[in-house]
C-alpha atoms as a PDB file:
ATOM      1  CA  UNK A   1     -11.537  26.932  -3.432  1.00  0.00           C
ATOM      2  CA  UNK A   2      -8.297  24.858  -3.567  1.00  0.00           C
ATOM      3  CA  UNK A   3      -8.761  24.180  -7.443  1.00  0.00           C
ATOM      4  CA  UNK A   4      -9.114  27.772  -7.866  1.00  0.00           C
ATOM      5  CA  UNK A   5      -6.331  28.786  -6.036  1.00  0.00           C
ATOM      6  CA  UNK A   6      -3.666  26.065  -8.006  1.00  0.00           C
ATOM      7  CA  UNK A   7      -5.610  27.673 -11.309  1.00  0.00           C
ATOM      8  CA  UNK A   8      -3.879  31.001 -10.098  1.00  0.00           C
ATOM      9  CA  UNK A   9      -1.063  29.851  -9.318  1.00  0.00           C
ATOM     10  CA  UNK A  10      -0.237  28.595 -12.727  1.00  0.00           C
ATOM     11  CA  UNK A  11      -1.444  31.670 -14.456  1.00  0.00           C
ATOM     12  CA  UNK A  12       0.584  34.070 -11.450  1.00  0.00           C
ATOM     13  CA  UNK A  13       3.542  31.807 -12.610  1.00  0.00           C
ATOM     14  CA  UNK A  14       4.270  32.975 -15.773  1.00  0.00           C
ATOM     15  CA  UNK A  15       4.710  36.227 -14.702  1.00  0.00           C
ATOM     16  CA  UNK A  16       6.858  37.541 -12.274  1.00  0.00           C
ATOM     17  CA  UNK A  17       8.509  34.853  -9.299  1.00  0.00           C
ATOM     18  CA  UNK A  18       6.445  36.947  -6.666  1.00  0.00           C
ATOM     19  CA  UNK A  19       3.650  37.548  -8.371  1.00  0.00           C
ATOM     20  CA  UNK A  20       1.826  34.405  -6.858  1.00  0.00           C
ATOM     21  CA  UNK A  21       3.039  35.042  -3.250  1.00  0.00           C
ATOM     22  CA  UNK A  22       1.807  38.452  -2.915  1.00  0.00           C
ATOM     23  CA  UNK A  23      -1.541  37.252  -3.928  1.00  0.00           C
ATOM     24  CA  UNK A  24      -1.294  34.838  -1.480  1.00  0.00           C
ATOM     25  CA  UNK A  25      -0.344  37.183   1.553  1.00  0.00           C
ATOM     26  CA  UNK A  26      -2.938  39.339   0.378  1.00  0.00           C
ATOM     27  CA  UNK A  27      -5.115  36.493  -0.176  1.00  0.00           C
ATOM     28  CA  UNK A  28      -4.279  35.352   3.834  1.00  0.00           C
ATOM     29  CA  UNK A  29      -4.853  38.788   5.230  1.00  0.00           C
ATOM     30  CA  UNK A  30      -8.390  39.480   3.696  1.00  0.00           C
ATOM     31  CA  UNK A  31      -9.017  35.587   5.041  1.00  0.00           C
ATOM     32  CA  UNK A  32      -7.795  36.674   8.259  1.00  0.00           C
ATOM     33  CA  UNK A  33     -10.254  40.133   8.433  1.00  0.00           C
ATOM     34  CA  UNK A  34     -13.258  37.736   7.985  1.00  0.00           C
ATOM     35  CA  UNK A  35     -12.363  36.270  10.951  1.00  0.00           C
ATOM     36  CA  UNK A  36     -13.152  39.115  12.936  1.00  0.00           C
ATOM     37  CA  UNK A  37     -15.642  40.885  10.462  1.00  0.00           C
ATOM     38  CA  UNK A  38     -17.017  38.136   8.344  1.00  0.00           C
ATOM     39  CA  UNK A  39     -19.728  40.405   6.585  1.00  0.00           C
ATOM     40  CA  UNK A  40     -17.553  43.021   5.618  1.00  0.00           C
ATOM     41  CA  UNK A  41     -18.277  41.181   2.343  1.00  0.00           C
ATOM     42  CA  UNK A  42     -20.937  42.832  -0.113  1.00  0.00           C
ATOM     43  CA  UNK A  43     -23.845  40.010  -0.551  1.00  0.00           C
ATOM     44  CA  UNK A  44     -24.397  38.219  -4.051  1.00  0.00           C
ATOM     45  CA  UNK A  45     -26.574  35.162  -5.140  1.00  0.00           C
ATOM     46  CA  UNK A  46     -26.670  34.142  -1.322  1.00  0.00           C
ATOM     47  CA  UNK A  47     -22.723  34.828  -1.052  1.00  0.00           C
ATOM     48  CA  UNK A  48     -21.030  37.192   0.287  1.00  0.00           C
ATOM     49  CA  UNK A  49     -18.301  38.402  -1.892  1.00  0.00           C
ATOM     50  CA  UNK A  50     -15.020  40.194  -0.924  1.00  0.00           C
ATOM     51  CA  UNK A  51     -12.468  41.667  -3.577  1.00  0.00           C
ATOM     52  CA  UNK A  52      -8.727  40.854  -3.515  1.00  0.00           C
ATOM     53  CA  UNK A  53      -6.740  42.387  -6.196  1.00  0.00           C
ATOM     54  CA  UNK A  54      -9.036  41.430  -9.160  1.00  0.00           C
ATOM     55  CA  UNK A  55     -10.100  38.236  -7.947  1.00  0.00           C
ATOM     56  CA  UNK A  56     -13.213  38.160  -6.462  1.00  0.00           C
ATOM     57  CA  UNK A  57     -13.685  35.510  -2.845  1.00  0.00           C
ATOM     58  CA  UNK A  58     -16.900  34.285  -2.437  1.00  0.00           C
ATOM     59  CA  UNK A  59     -18.241  32.990   1.107  1.00  0.00           C
ATOM     60  CA  UNK A  60     -20.464  32.020   3.786  1.00  0.00           C
ATOM     61  CA  UNK A  61     -20.771  32.819   7.860  1.00  0.00           C
ATOM     62  CA  UNK A  62     -21.852  30.276   9.743  1.00  0.00           C
ATOM     63  CA  UNK A  63     -23.298  31.823  12.491  1.00  0.00           C
ATOM     64  CA  UNK A  64     -23.653  28.660  14.587  1.00  0.00           C
ATOM     65  CA  UNK A  65     -20.121  26.949  13.878  1.00  0.00           C
ATOM     66  CA  UNK A  66     -18.484  30.195  14.219  1.00  0.00           C
ATOM     67  CA  UNK A  67     -16.800  29.829  10.646  1.00  0.00           C
ATOM     68  CA  UNK A  68     -16.510  31.190   7.594  1.00  0.00           C
ATOM     69  CA  UNK A  69     -16.288  28.759   4.372  1.00  0.00           C
ATOM     70  CA  UNK A  70     -14.429  30.164   1.262  1.00  0.00           C
ATOM     71  CA  UNK A  71     -16.289  28.895  -1.826  1.00  0.00           C
ATOM     72  CA  UNK A  72     -14.546  30.279  -4.108  1.00  0.00           C
ATOM     73  CA  UNK A  73     -11.776  32.386  -5.735  1.00  0.00           C
ATOM     74  CA  UNK A  74     -12.473  33.440  -9.119  1.00  0.00           C
ATOM     75  CA  UNK A  75     -11.243  36.214 -11.353  1.00  0.00           C
ATOM     76  CA  UNK A  76     -13.623  39.410 -11.855  1.00  0.00           C
ATOM     77  CA  UNK A  77     -13.817  38.815 -15.565  1.00  0.00           C
ATOM     78  CA  UNK A  78     -14.845  35.676 -15.282  1.00  0.00           C
ATOM     79  CA  UNK A  79     -18.652  35.077 -16.333  1.00  0.00           C
ATOM     80  CA  UNK A  80     -19.778  34.194 -13.137  1.00  0.00           C
ATOM     81  CA  UNK A  81     -22.422  30.868 -12.835  1.00  0.00           C
ATOM     82  CA  UNK A  82     -24.658  30.048  -9.644  1.00  0.00           C
ATOM     83  CA  UNK A  83     -23.554  26.599 -10.424  1.00  0.00           C
ATOM     84  CA  UNK A  84     -19.686  27.338 -10.241  1.00  0.00           C
ATOM     85  CA  UNK A  85     -20.360  28.689  -6.601  1.00  0.00           C
ATOM     86  CA  UNK A  86     -22.024  25.914  -5.149  1.00  0.00           C
ATOM     87  CA  UNK A  87     -18.483  23.760  -3.987  1.00  0.00           C
ATOM     88  CA  UNK A  88     -16.304  24.329  -0.986  1.00  0.00           C
ATOM     89  CA  UNK A  89     -13.123  22.758   0.023  1.00  0.00           C
ATOM     90  CA  UNK A  90     -11.979  26.010   2.596  1.00  0.00           C
ATOM     91  CA  UNK A  91     -13.926  25.606   5.582  1.00  0.00           C
ATOM     92  CA  UNK A  92     -12.163  28.204   7.949  1.00  0.00           C
ATOM     93  CA  UNK A  93     -11.177  31.927   6.860  1.00  0.00           C
ATOM     94  CA  UNK A  94      -7.430  31.435   7.907  1.00  0.00           C
ATOM     95  CA  UNK A  95      -7.547  28.054   6.156  1.00  0.00           C
ATOM     96  CA  UNK A  96      -4.990  29.691   3.223  1.00  0.00           C
ATOM     97  CA  UNK A  97      -1.695  28.637   2.937  1.00  0.00           C
ATOM     98  CA  UNK A  98       0.183  31.772   2.261  1.00  0.00           C
ATOM     99  CA  UNK A  99       3.081  29.007   0.020  1.00  0.00           C
ATOM    100  CA  UNK A 100      -0.159  27.912  -1.885  1.00  0.00           C
ATOM    101  CA  UNK A 101       0.342  24.503  -1.265  1.00  0.00           C
ATOM    102  CA  UNK A 102      -2.228  22.398   0.208  1.00  0.00           C
END
């Protein structure tokens, strides 16, 4: 997920200065929703999928550990391969930093 956010930051920095900041606020707000309602995302190939602007957030819920693990944040226009969903860098729903720095 960190690599995804870094790539999104590079892409969005081409536009208005506030574009990435606004996106991160929405992403953080969505991650906060998952703390209380982890099953709000639709299922896709074994992952929950949540839409944030033009991006898809793929995550899994661990009921035993009581955590939401975010696997990827991918632009909705990309061709999603199952292998591209198999890695994880963010283990908590609220672990998305507001400034995008990790």
